[in-house]
Amino acid sequence: VRPMTSNAFVNPRADARYRRIAIAAMWLAALGVVATFRDYGITWDEHVQHIYGERLLAFYGSLFSDRSAFHFDNLYLYGGLFDILAALVAMLLPGDLYELRHLVGGLFGVFGLWGTWKLTGALAGDRAGAIAVVLLATSPLMIGHSFTNPKDAPLAWLTIWACYFVCRAISEAPTVKPGTILGLGVAIGAVLGQRIIGGHLVLWALLVVAVWPFVNRANADRASALLKAGALAVPIAVLVMAFFWPWSVQDTGNSIAALAEFSRFPFETEFPWNGVIIKSTDVPTLYVPRLLLVQLSDAAILAIVLALVGFATTTGKDFIRERAPALAFLALCAMGPLIVAMITKPTLYNGLRHFLFVIPPITVLSAIGADRLILRMEAGARRPPATGVVLALASLAMFAAIETVRLHPYAYVAFNRLSGGIGAAKGRDELDYWGASLTELARDVRAYAANDDALAKSSAIKTFVCGRQESTAHTLGDRFEIVNDLAAADIYLGIDERVCAETFNTSGAVIGEVRRDGALLGKAVRLK
């Protein structure tokens, strides 16, 4: 293994076979985005997120006089990077605005795969890079959220690019190149311009730089150079953040206020977690770790186990010495937020969606550690076991891809086979909390109404929606009138989550159901 040099971010083990696998996975992912982006349902927050994006564009279009974005719901607390881009695409391209948002989200995922490949390949070679890309490209959780989650999935994919430039700066020190400083500033600014919680990356980078000289005094000059590079990147990051999140710079304390608000978000609801009903303001200590264990793909779980063994048995001193700061930074990015959440117990709900940003760093570390184990096996003339490990990862990744196709377009509700899948998760954990199934149900209702004699003559079909009404109305069309009184409604549409299933007792002819693995996600009922 050729160690990383001190002034370049290099691929330590080039292997054309694995490079082709990674590139093929990224191309297949891109083709999958183009082929399927129209299939995804409109999720709970997309209506208001789109309005927020439009209002941010209006802020610039009015030469900063239209400040309505700064008072719209609570969205001013969030960066608008994704929403600005999605609103621009909706303005420039023909098509349904929500479908175009899903296209942008899917392409964000491909962009994240590219960053994953560059980071992992530079740290550990093409095989590790291919493992990381394939793990993420076949992850039902990440694929599903990329299309349906306009807040957290973009943050996860932007996080990997910020990690890439931090690690690149570490490898180049003491002479950090101008292009790296520019990339670092843009990447950190983009993360903060999506969600303020992305600032944890800066904290971990500073911690690594502060500790590095104490581990080895010879690293003092490199640490000093990194601090200088970071200082040069700060104004770039602030400019990028300010562009996508202009509210954050309207007052010096705004970004801190947003961070404080999210630490104890004022939203209280009850939902199932591991078979018990919990409150969003009082989640168990193991809330996030347990969901990672049951919602990461089986391939990802195997990779984590292999990585633990691989890092524990690594004997390559050059590998560890040259990459220790970068690996420590990635470990902090992956585990730091989990530890903080376990200690502080912030308001949490909707499964893993608020912590998607830890999954790419976990995957990168898993791929590197698994690759180290395979290398050790190969070095010990144990090629059959090494080949068996590669085949096991490939097989489980293939099964994850099949699971994604089988759950389509609701892959974000996936639970791995180790936990019993979503059939076992029904009633035990949240499933369709985003309400994506309502779009499919709304299409079923439209088709039903067109063929029902009584409803076909009605100009205002009264419809009760347990879910985001505006999003469902977009699919239903003008002939349907959304009402808030179930007794007055002709049709009921609702997700089959606790908030709907236990609140509204509906009976009548079933118009449509959305099921996966036998688990009911949502239903539409003719009430009268």
Protein backbone atom coordinates (compact mmCIF):
# COMPACT_ATOMS: atom_id res chain seq x y z
CA VAL A 1 0.00 0.00 0.00
CA ARG A 2 1.46 3.36 -1.05
CA PRO A 3 0.83 5.79 1.82
CA MET A 4 -0.78 9.16 1.24
CA THR A 5 1.73 11.90 0.59
CA SER A 6 1.67 14.98 2.73
CA ASN A 7 0.75 17.34 -0.14
CA ALA A 8 -1.75 15.47 -2.29
CA PHE A 9 -5.05 13.70 -2.00
CA VAL A 10 -4.20 10.48 -3.84
CA ASN A 11 -5.66 7.08 -4.56
CA PRO A 12 -3.39 4.70 -2.61
CA ARG A 13 -4.50 1.58 -4.54
CA ALA A 14 -5.77 2.04 -8.05
CA ASP A 15 -7.78 -0.86 -9.42
CA ALA A 16 -9.54 -0.38 -12.73
CA ARG A 17 -12.00 -3.20 -12.05
CA TYR A 18 -13.42 -1.60 -8.92
CA ARG A 19 -13.29 1.85 -10.46
CA ARG A 20 -15.51 0.58 -13.26
CA ILE A 21 -17.91 -0.95 -10.69
CA ALA A 22 -18.23 2.38 -8.85
CA ILE A 23 -18.72 4.36 -12.04
CA ALA A 24 -21.29 1.85 -13.28
CA ALA A 25 -23.17 2.11 -9.96
CA MET A 26 -23.28 5.89 -10.24
CA TRP A 27 -24.49 5.78 -13.86
CA LEU A 28 -27.15 3.23 -12.96
CA ALA A 29 -28.24 5.45 -10.09
CA ALA A 30 -28.52 8.42 -12.44
CA LEU A 31 -30.53 6.40 -14.94
CA GLY A 32 -32.75 5.18 -12.11
CA VAL A 33 -33.43 8.77 -11.08
CA VAL A 34 -34.47 9.77 -14.60
CA ALA A 35 -36.62 6.65 -15.00
CA THR A 36 -38.47 6.84 -11.68
CA PHE A 37 -38.67 10.42 -10.39
CA ARG A 38 -42.29 10.72 -11.53
CA ASP A 39 -43.35 7.75 -9.38
CA TYR A 40 -42.86 9.32 -5.97
CA GLY A 41 -45.64 10.71 -3.83
CA ILE A 42 -45.83 14.25 -2.51
CA THR A 43 -44.62 14.23 1.08
CA TRP A 44 -45.91 16.08 4.11
CA ASP A 45 -43.72 19.21 4.03
CA GLU A 46 -43.19 19.61 0.30
CA HIS A 47 -46.01 22.10 -0.18
CA VAL A 48 -44.62 24.60 2.33
CA GLN A 49 -41.03 23.85 1.30
CA HIS A 50 -41.87 24.84 -2.27
CA ILE A 51 -43.48 28.08 -1.10
CA TYR A 52 -40.38 28.81 0.97
CA GLY A 53 -38.16 28.33 -2.08
CA GLU A 54 -40.36 30.67 -4.13
CA ARG A 55 -40.26 33.32 -1.41
CA LEU A 56 -36.48 33.13 -1.20
CA LEU A 57 -36.31 33.67 -4.95
CA ALA A 58 -38.73 36.58 -4.53
CA PHE A 59 -36.33 38.08 -1.97
CA TYR A 60 -33.63 38.26 -4.63
CA GLY A 61 -36.01 39.06 -7.48
CA SER A 62 -37.34 42.08 -5.58
CA LEU A 63 -33.78 43.25 -4.84
CA PHE A 64 -34.18 42.28 -1.20
CA SER A 65 -37.45 44.15 -0.54
CA ASP A 66 -39.73 41.06 -0.36
CA ARG A 67 -38.85 39.63 3.04
CA SER A 68 -41.83 37.30 3.38
CA ALA A 69 -39.52 34.28 3.50
CA PHE A 70 -38.23 35.52 6.86
CA HIS A 71 -41.66 35.18 8.46
CA PHE A 72 -43.06 32.13 6.69
CA ASP A 73 -44.14 29.49 9.20
CA ASN A 74 -40.95 28.31 10.93
CA LEU A 75 -39.05 27.63 7.73
CA TYR A 76 -36.82 30.68 8.12
CA LEU A 77 -35.02 28.52 10.72
CA TYR A 78 -33.92 26.23 7.87
CA GLY A 79 -31.51 26.93 5.08
CA GLY A 80 -33.09 27.10 1.65
CA LEU A 81 -30.42 25.56 -0.57
CA PHE A 82 -32.50 22.66 -1.85
CA ASP A 83 -35.70 24.69 -2.03
CA ILE A 84 -34.07 27.48 -4.03
CA LEU A 85 -32.63 25.01 -6.52
CA ALA A 86 -35.90 23.08 -6.78
CA ALA A 87 -37.91 26.28 -7.27
CA LEU A 88 -35.52 27.40 -10.00
CA VAL A 89 -35.84 24.05 -11.78
CA ALA A 90 -39.64 24.25 -11.50
CA MET A 91 -39.51 27.71 -13.08
CA LEU A 92 -37.19 26.72 -15.92
CA LEU A 93 -38.42 23.24 -16.87
CA PRO A 94 -41.88 22.10 -17.93
CA GLY A 95 -43.65 19.49 -15.84
CA ASP A 96 -45.31 18.96 -12.49
CA LEU A 97 -43.48 20.99 -9.86
CA TYR A 98 -43.43 18.15 -7.33
CA GLU A 99 -42.09 15.67 -9.86
CA LEU A 100 -39.35 18.16 -10.69
CA ARG A 101 -38.54 18.49 -6.98
CA HIS A 102 -38.15 14.73 -6.82
CA LEU A 103 -35.87 14.85 -9.85
CA VAL A 104 -33.65 17.38 -8.10
CA GLY A 105 -33.63 15.24 -4.95
CA GLY A 106 -32.66 12.12 -6.86
CA LEU A 107 -29.82 13.94 -8.63
CA PHE A 108 -28.61 15.20 -5.25
CA GLY A 109 -28.23 11.55 -4.32
CA VAL A 110 -26.09 10.85 -7.40
CA PHE A 111 -24.00 13.92 -6.54
CA GLY A 112 -23.50 12.47 -3.06
CA LEU A 113 -22.41 9.12 -4.50
CA TRP A 114 -19.74 10.93 -6.50
CA GLY A 115 -18.44 12.63 -3.35
CA THR A 116 -18.48 9.29 -1.53
CA TRP A 117 -16.40 7.72 -4.30
CA LYS A 118 -13.86 10.55 -4.32
CA LEU A 119 -13.46 10.58 -0.54
CA THR A 120 -13.29 6.84 0.07
CA GLY A 121 -11.12 6.15 -2.97
CA ALA A 122 -8.63 8.83 -1.97
CA LEU A 123 -8.35 7.47 1.57
CA ALA A 124 -8.26 3.74 0.88
CA GLY A 125 -8.28 2.94 -2.84
CA ASP A 126 -10.71 1.96 -5.55
CA ARG A 127 -12.05 -1.19 -3.90
CA ALA A 128 -13.04 0.69 -0.75
CA GLY A 129 -14.52 3.41 -2.93
CA ALA A 130 -16.58 0.88 -4.85
CA ILE A 131 -17.82 -0.74 -1.64
CA ALA A 132 -18.96 2.61 -0.24
CA VAL A 133 -20.69 3.67 -3.45
CA VAL A 134 -22.49 0.35 -3.87
CA LEU A 135 -23.63 0.33 -0.22
CA LEU A 136 -25.21 3.77 -0.57
CA ALA A 137 -26.50 3.27 -4.11
CA THR A 138 -28.42 0.18 -2.97
CA SER A 139 -29.60 1.57 0.38
CA PRO A 140 -33.41 1.64 0.42
CA LEU A 141 -33.36 4.22 3.21
CA MET A 142 -31.07 6.67 1.39
CA ILE A 143 -32.67 6.15 -2.01
CA GLY A 144 -36.18 6.63 -0.67
CA HIS A 145 -35.30 9.76 1.29
CA SER A 146 -33.39 11.29 -1.60
CA PHE A 147 -36.60 11.57 -3.59
CA THR A 148 -39.01 12.38 -0.77
CA ASN A 149 -37.11 14.28 1.93
CA PRO A 150 -36.23 17.86 0.91
CA LYS A 151 -34.65 18.74 4.26
CA ASP A 152 -32.52 15.89 5.51
CA ALA A 153 -31.43 13.91 2.46
CA PRO A 154 -29.73 16.90 0.74
CA LEU A 155 -27.95 17.62 4.03
CA ALA A 156 -26.64 14.04 4.11
CA TRP A 157 -25.27 14.25 0.57
CA LEU A 158 -23.75 17.70 1.11
CA THR A 159 -22.14 16.40 4.30
CA ILE A 160 -20.04 13.92 2.37
CA TRP A 161 -18.64 16.71 0.18
CA ALA A 162 -17.76 18.76 3.24
CA CYS A 163 -16.00 15.69 4.67
CA TYR A 164 -14.15 15.28 1.38
CA PHE A 165 -12.70 18.79 1.44
CA VAL A 166 -11.82 18.64 5.13
CA CYS A 167 -9.92 15.39 4.57
CA ARG A 168 -8.32 16.80 1.44
CA ALA A 169 -7.11 19.83 3.40
CA ILE A 170 -5.71 17.52 6.09
CA SER A 171 -3.80 15.51 3.48
CA GLU A 172 -2.36 18.61 1.79
CA ALA A 173 -1.17 20.36 4.95
CA PRO A 174 1.15 22.16 5.50
CA THR A 175 0.54 23.49 1.98
CA VAL A 176 -3.22 23.56 1.49
CA LYS A 177 -4.00 24.46 -2.11
CA PRO A 178 -6.24 27.42 -2.98
CA GLY A 179 -8.68 25.11 -4.78
CA THR A 180 -9.06 23.05 -1.62
CA ILE A 181 -9.70 26.16 0.48
CA LEU A 182 -12.32 27.31 -2.02
CA GLY A 183 -13.96 23.88 -2.06
CA LEU A 184 -13.91 23.72 1.74
CA GLY A 185 -15.61 27.10 2.05
CA VAL A 186 -18.26 26.29 -0.55
CA ALA A 187 -18.97 22.83 0.91
CA ILE A 188 -19.27 24.03 4.52
CA GLY A 189 -21.36 26.99 3.42
CA ALA A 190 -23.65 24.72 1.42
CA VAL A 191 -24.15 22.42 4.42
CA LEU A 192 -25.04 25.39 6.64
CA GLY A 193 -27.21 26.77 3.85
CA GLN A 194 -29.29 23.61 4.06
CA ARG A 195 -29.50 23.12 7.84
CA ILE A 196 -27.66 24.77 10.72
CA ILE A 197 -27.14 21.38 12.35
CA GLY A 198 -24.45 20.81 9.70
CA GLY A 199 -22.22 23.07 11.78
CA HIS A 200 -21.19 20.01 13.77
CA LEU A 201 -18.68 19.32 10.99
CA VAL A 202 -16.77 22.48 11.91
CA LEU A 203 -16.71 21.44 15.56
CA TRP A 204 -15.20 18.03 14.78
CA ALA A 205 -12.65 19.49 12.37
CA LEU A 206 -11.49 21.99 15.01
CA LEU A 207 -11.29 19.22 17.60
CA VAL A 208 -9.07 17.08 15.37
CA VAL A 209 -6.79 20.02 14.53
CA ALA A 210 -6.51 20.96 18.21
CA VAL A 211 -5.60 17.44 19.33
CA TRP A 212 -3.29 16.57 16.41
CA PRO A 213 -0.14 18.33 17.75
CA PHE A 214 -0.54 16.70 21.15
CA VAL A 215 -0.44 13.27 19.52
CA ASN A 216 2.76 14.14 17.68
CA ARG A 217 4.58 17.48 17.99
CA ALA A 218 5.80 17.08 14.43
CA ASN A 219 2.26 17.78 13.29
CA ALA A 220 2.18 21.27 14.81
CA ASP A 221 3.05 23.01 11.55
CA ARG A 222 0.41 21.05 9.66
CA ALA A 223 -2.21 21.83 12.27
CA SER A 224 -1.31 25.51 12.14
CA ALA A 225 -1.60 25.46 8.34
CA LEU A 226 -5.04 23.85 8.61
CA LEU A 227 -6.23 26.57 10.97
CA LYS A 228 -5.05 29.21 8.51
CA ALA A 229 -6.76 27.39 5.62
CA GLY A 230 -9.93 27.16 7.67
CA ALA A 231 -9.79 30.87 8.47
CA LEU A 232 -9.50 31.65 4.75
CA ALA A 233 -12.47 29.36 4.04
CA VAL A 234 -14.72 31.07 6.64
CA PRO A 235 -15.70 34.13 4.56
CA ILE A 236 -16.46 31.89 1.59
CA ALA A 237 -18.63 29.65 3.76
CA VAL A 238 -20.48 32.65 5.22
CA LEU A 239 -21.19 34.04 1.77
CA VAL A 240 -22.54 30.71 0.51
CA MET A 241 -24.62 30.21 3.66
CA ALA A 242 -25.95 33.76 3.45
CA PHE A 243 -27.04 33.31 -0.15
CA PHE A 244 -29.05 30.17 0.51
CA TRP A 245 -30.17 31.17 4.02
CA PRO A 246 -30.37 34.97 4.02
CA TRP A 247 -32.31 35.11 7.31
CA SER A 248 -29.21 33.76 9.08
CA VAL A 249 -27.28 36.99 8.44
CA GLN A 250 -30.09 39.48 9.08
CA ASP A 251 -29.03 39.49 12.72
CA THR A 252 -25.80 38.28 14.29
CA GLY A 253 -27.64 35.91 16.61
CA ASN A 254 -30.03 34.33 14.13
CA SER A 255 -28.03 31.20 13.35
CA ILE A 256 -27.45 30.55 17.06
CA ALA A 257 -31.15 31.10 17.71
CA ALA A 258 -32.00 28.52 15.05
CA LEU A 259 -29.60 26.00 16.60
CA ALA A 260 -31.10 26.57 20.03
CA GLU A 261 -34.61 26.15 18.63
CA PHE A 262 -33.76 22.80 17.05
CA SER A 263 -32.11 21.50 20.21
CA ARG A 264 -35.55 21.60 21.87
CA PHE A 265 -37.88 21.80 18.90
CA PRO A 266 -41.39 22.82 20.10
CA PHE A 267 -43.24 19.90 18.58
CA GLU A 268 -44.82 17.23 20.73
CA THR A 269 -46.42 14.12 19.33
CA GLU A 270 -46.68 10.45 20.22
CA PHE A 271 -45.61 7.57 18.03
CA PRO A 272 -44.53 3.91 18.24
CA TRP A 273 -40.88 3.06 18.77
CA ASN A 274 -39.81 -0.53 19.29
CA GLY A 275 -43.36 -1.49 20.18
CA VAL A 276 -44.01 1.20 22.80
CA ILE A 277 -45.64 4.62 22.48
CA ILE A 278 -43.19 7.43 23.21
CA LYS A 279 -43.27 11.22 23.09
CA SER A 280 -41.13 13.19 20.66
CA THR A 281 -39.96 15.34 23.59
CA ASP A 282 -38.90 12.34 25.66
CA VAL A 283 -37.20 9.83 23.38
CA PRO A 284 -35.17 6.91 24.77
CA THR A 285 -31.39 7.19 24.93
CA LEU A 286 -30.99 4.48 22.29
CA TYR A 287 -33.56 5.98 19.90
CA VAL A 288 -31.13 6.67 17.03
CA PRO A 289 -28.69 3.73 17.51
CA ARG A 290 -31.53 1.23 17.59
CA LEU A 291 -33.12 2.67 14.43
CA LEU A 292 -29.76 2.54 12.65
CA LEU A 293 -29.48 -1.13 13.58
CA VAL A 294 -32.91 -1.99 12.16
CA GLN A 295 -33.08 0.40 9.20
CA LEU A 296 -29.63 0.25 7.65
CA SER A 297 -29.51 -2.39 4.93
CA ASP A 298 -28.23 -5.87 5.76
CA ALA A 299 -25.22 -5.15 3.53
CA ALA A 300 -24.44 -2.02 5.55
CA ILE A 301 -24.70 -3.94 8.84
CA LEU A 302 -22.30 -6.60 7.54
CA ALA A 303 -19.89 -3.88 6.37
CA ILE A 304 -19.91 -2.31 9.85
CA VAL A 305 -19.09 -5.67 11.47
CA LEU A 306 -16.30 -6.31 8.95
CA ALA A 307 -14.97 -2.80 9.50
CA LEU A 308 -14.76 -3.26 13.26
CA VAL A 309 -12.68 -6.39 12.72
CA GLY A 310 -10.68 -4.75 9.95
CA PHE A 311 -9.67 -1.70 11.96
CA ALA A 312 -8.98 -3.81 15.06
CA THR A 313 -6.56 -6.03 13.14
CA THR A 314 -4.96 -3.44 10.84
CA THR A 315 -1.18 -3.70 10.89
CA GLY A 316 -0.37 -1.17 8.17
CA LYS A 317 1.41 1.53 10.19
CA ASP A 318 1.75 3.88 7.24
CA PHE A 319 -1.96 3.61 6.55
CA ILE A 320 -2.96 4.50 10.10
CA ARG A 321 -0.29 7.17 10.59
CA GLU A 322 -1.02 9.07 7.39
CA ARG A 323 -4.79 8.82 7.65
CA ALA A 324 -5.34 9.06 11.41
CA PRO A 325 -6.58 12.67 11.41
CA ALA A 326 -8.95 12.09 8.48
CA LEU A 327 -10.26 8.84 9.94
CA ALA A 328 -10.68 10.46 13.36
CA PHE A 329 -12.63 13.32 11.75
CA LEU A 330 -14.91 10.89 9.90
CA ALA A 331 -15.44 8.88 13.08
CA LEU A 332 -16.47 12.04 14.92
CA CYS A 333 -18.82 13.01 12.06
CA ALA A 334 -20.42 9.57 12.26
CA MET A 335 -20.53 8.99 16.01
CA GLY A 336 -20.34 12.46 17.53
CA PRO A 337 -23.93 13.48 16.73
CA LEU A 338 -25.20 10.13 18.00
CA ILE A 339 -23.40 10.53 21.30
CA VAL A 340 -24.61 14.11 21.68
CA ALA A 341 -28.19 13.02 20.94
CA MET A 342 -27.97 10.17 23.45
CA ILE A 343 -26.83 12.62 26.13
CA THR A 344 -29.02 15.62 25.38
CA LYS A 345 -32.10 13.72 24.10
CA PRO A 346 -33.45 16.42 21.74
CA THR A 347 -36.93 16.38 20.24
CA LEU A 348 -37.00 13.52 17.71
CA TYR A 349 -39.65 11.81 15.59
CA ASN A 350 -40.15 10.38 12.09
CA GLY A 351 -37.66 7.57 12.38
CA LEU A 352 -34.11 8.31 11.27
CA ARG A 353 -34.83 11.22 8.99
CA HIS A 354 -33.23 13.84 11.25
CA PHE A 355 -30.00 11.80 11.42
CA LEU A 356 -29.57 10.77 7.80
CA PHE A 357 -26.42 12.89 7.67
CA VAL A 358 -24.47 10.35 9.75
CA ILE A 359 -25.10 7.52 7.29
CA PRO A 360 -22.61 8.57 4.54
CA PRO A 361 -19.69 8.96 7.00
CA ILE A 362 -20.60 5.64 8.62
CA THR A 363 -20.64 4.05 5.18
CA VAL A 364 -17.25 5.50 4.22
CA LEU A 365 -15.66 4.21 7.43
CA SER A 366 -17.36 0.83 6.99
CA ALA A 367 -16.04 0.48 3.45
CA ILE A 368 -12.52 1.42 4.49
CA GLY A 369 -12.51 -0.98 7.43
CA ALA A 370 -13.98 -3.83 5.39
CA ASP A 371 -11.35 -3.23 2.73
CA ARG A 372 -8.60 -3.40 5.35
CA LEU A 373 -9.89 -6.79 6.50
CA ILE A 374 -9.97 -8.07 2.93
CA LEU A 375 -6.40 -6.78 2.40
CA ARG A 376 -5.23 -8.58 5.54
CA MET A 377 -6.79 -11.82 4.34
CA GLU A 378 -5.14 -11.45 0.95
CA ALA A 379 -1.77 -10.68 2.53
CA GLY A 380 -2.07 -13.80 4.63
CA ALA A 381 -2.58 -15.94 1.52
CA ARG A 382 -6.22 -16.47 2.47
CA ARG A 383 -7.70 -15.45 -0.84
CA PRO A 384 -10.76 -17.75 -0.73
CA PRO A 385 -12.03 -16.17 2.52
CA ALA A 386 -11.26 -12.71 1.14
CA THR A 387 -13.20 -13.50 -2.01
CA GLY A 388 -16.01 -14.85 0.15
CA VAL A 389 -16.22 -11.53 2.04
CA VAL A 390 -16.43 -9.59 -1.22
CA LEU A 391 -19.11 -11.93 -2.55
CA ALA A 392 -21.10 -11.70 0.70
CA LEU A 393 -21.10 -7.90 0.52
CA ALA A 394 -22.02 -7.98 -3.15
CA SER A 395 -24.85 -10.47 -2.55
CA LEU A 396 -26.37 -8.49 0.30
CA ALA A 397 -26.06 -5.28 -1.71
CA MET A 398 -27.93 -6.98 -4.53
CA PHE A 399 -30.66 -8.03 -2.10
CA ALA A 400 -30.87 -4.43 -0.84
CA ALA A 401 -31.31 -3.24 -4.42
CA ILE A 402 -34.06 -5.80 -4.94
CA GLU A 403 -35.72 -4.64 -1.72
CA THR A 404 -35.61 -1.07 -2.99
CA VAL A 405 -37.34 -2.09 -6.20
CA ARG A 406 -39.88 -4.16 -4.28
CA LEU A 407 -40.77 -1.28 -1.96
CA HIS A 408 -40.76 1.34 -4.72
CA PRO A 409 -41.71 4.16 -4.40
CA TYR A 410 -41.83 3.83 -0.61
CA ALA A 411 -38.28 2.67 0.04
CA TYR A 412 -37.80 5.24 2.80
CA VAL A 413 -39.99 3.09 5.09
CA ALA A 414 -37.57 0.15 4.76
CA PHE A 415 -36.49 -2.01 7.68
CA ASN A 416 -33.79 -4.60 7.14
CA ARG A 417 -34.38 -8.32 7.10
CA LEU A 418 -32.50 -8.75 10.35
CA SER A 419 -35.36 -6.87 12.01
CA GLY A 420 -38.05 -8.70 10.07
CA GLY A 421 -38.70 -6.08 7.37
CA ILE A 422 -41.57 -3.61 7.32
CA GLY A 423 -44.08 -6.41 7.86
CA ALA A 424 -42.67 -6.86 11.35
CA ALA A 425 -42.24 -3.10 11.82
CA LYS A 426 -45.96 -2.41 11.31
CA GLY A 427 -47.32 -1.21 14.64
CA ARG A 428 -43.85 -1.44 16.17
CA ASP A 429 -42.36 1.64 14.50
CA GLU A 430 -43.38 4.54 12.28
CA LEU A 431 -43.69 3.73 8.58
CA ASP A 432 -45.29 6.21 6.15
CA TYR A 433 -44.86 9.27 8.35
CA TRP A 434 -44.16 11.41 5.25
CA GLY A 435 -47.59 10.54 3.82
CA ALA A 436 -46.18 9.66 0.41
CA SER A 437 -48.85 6.98 -0.11
CA LEU A 438 -51.56 9.67 -0.27
CA THR A 439 -50.54 10.58 -3.82
CA GLU A 440 -51.14 7.04 -5.08
CA LEU A 441 -54.41 6.91 -3.17
CA ALA A 442 -55.50 10.26 -4.61
CA ARG A 443 -54.95 8.87 -8.11
CA ASP A 444 -57.07 5.85 -7.19
CA VAL A 445 -59.83 8.16 -5.92
CA ARG A 446 -59.78 10.23 -9.12
CA ALA A 447 -60.16 7.10 -11.21
CA TYR A 448 -62.90 5.81 -8.94
CA ALA A 449 -64.83 9.10 -9.05
CA ALA A 450 -64.68 9.20 -12.84
CA ASN A 451 -66.47 5.84 -13.02
CA ASP A 452 -68.96 6.33 -10.19
CA ASP A 453 -72.28 7.67 -11.47
CA ALA A 454 -73.09 9.74 -8.39
CA LEU A 455 -69.62 11.19 -7.96
CA ALA A 456 -69.14 11.79 -11.67
CA LYS A 457 -72.00 14.31 -11.61
CA SER A 458 -70.73 16.14 -8.53
CA SER A 459 -68.76 19.34 -9.02
CA ALA A 460 -67.37 19.27 -5.47
CA ILE A 461 -66.60 15.83 -4.10
CA LYS A 462 -66.15 16.34 -0.37
CA THR A 463 -62.94 14.66 0.73
CA PHE A 464 -61.44 14.30 4.18
CA VAL A 465 -57.65 13.93 4.24
CA CYS A 466 -55.66 12.72 7.21
CA GLY A 467 -52.33 14.03 6.03
CA ARG A 468 -51.07 17.14 4.26
CA GLN A 469 -54.22 18.49 2.63
CA GLU A 470 -52.54 20.85 0.16
CA SER A 471 -50.31 18.14 -1.28
CA THR A 472 -53.19 15.69 -1.66
CA ALA A 473 -55.40 18.38 -3.24
CA HIS A 474 -52.71 18.93 -5.87
CA THR A 475 -53.17 15.34 -7.06
CA LEU A 476 -56.95 15.17 -6.61
CA GLY A 477 -57.69 18.19 -8.79
CA ASP A 478 -60.34 20.92 -8.74
CA ARG A 479 -63.40 18.63 -8.57
CA PHE A 480 -62.54 17.63 -5.02
CA GLU A 481 -63.27 19.83 -2.02
CA ILE A 482 -61.13 19.18 1.04
CA VAL A 483 -63.26 19.30 4.20
CA ASN A 484 -62.29 19.17 7.86
CA ASP A 485 -65.46 17.42 9.02
CA LEU A 486 -65.30 13.65 8.51
CA ALA A 487 -69.09 13.36 8.88
CA ALA A 488 -69.60 15.67 5.89
CA ALA A 489 -67.14 13.86 3.63
CA ASP A 490 -67.89 11.53 0.74
CA ILE A 491 -64.38 10.08 0.70
CA TYR A 492 -61.67 9.53 3.27
CA LEU A 493 -57.95 9.39 2.48
CA GLY A 494 -55.39 8.79 5.20
CA ILE A 495 -52.06 7.28 6.07
CA ASP A 496 -52.28 4.26 8.35
CA GLU A 497 -50.19 5.74 11.12
CA ARG A 498 -51.29 6.16 14.73
CA VAL A 499 -52.30 9.80 14.28
CA CYS A 500 -54.90 8.75 11.70
CA ALA A 501 -55.72 5.12 12.41
CA GLU A 502 -56.62 5.67 16.06
CA THR A 503 -58.29 9.04 15.61
CA PHE A 504 -60.64 8.40 12.69
CA ASN A 505 -62.85 5.34 12.62
CA THR A 506 -63.80 4.95 8.96
CA SER A 507 -66.10 2.38 7.43
CA GLY A 508 -67.31 1.96 3.90
CA ALA A 509 -66.21 0.61 0.55
CA VAL A 510 -62.43 0.56 0.21
CA ILE A 511 -61.39 2.48 -2.90
CA GLY A 512 -57.70 1.79 -2.63
CA GLU A 513 -54.96 0.60 -0.32
CA VAL A 514 -51.20 0.92 -0.39
CA ARG A 515 -49.40 -2.07 1.10
CA ARG A 516 -45.84 -3.34 1.22
CA ASP A 517 -44.92 -6.67 2.81
CA GLY A 518 -48.54 -6.88 3.88
CA ALA A 519 -48.16 -3.69 5.92
CA LEU A 520 -50.87 -1.12 5.26
CA LEU A 521 -49.39 2.30 4.56
CA GLY A 522 -52.55 4.18 3.63
CA LYS A 523 -56.12 3.74 2.43
CA ALA A 524 -58.98 5.52 0.67
CA VAL A 525 -62.59 4.78 1.64
CA ARG A 526 -65.97 5.72 0.10
CA LEU A 527 -67.89 6.87 3.16
CA LYS A 528 -71.34 7.36 1.64
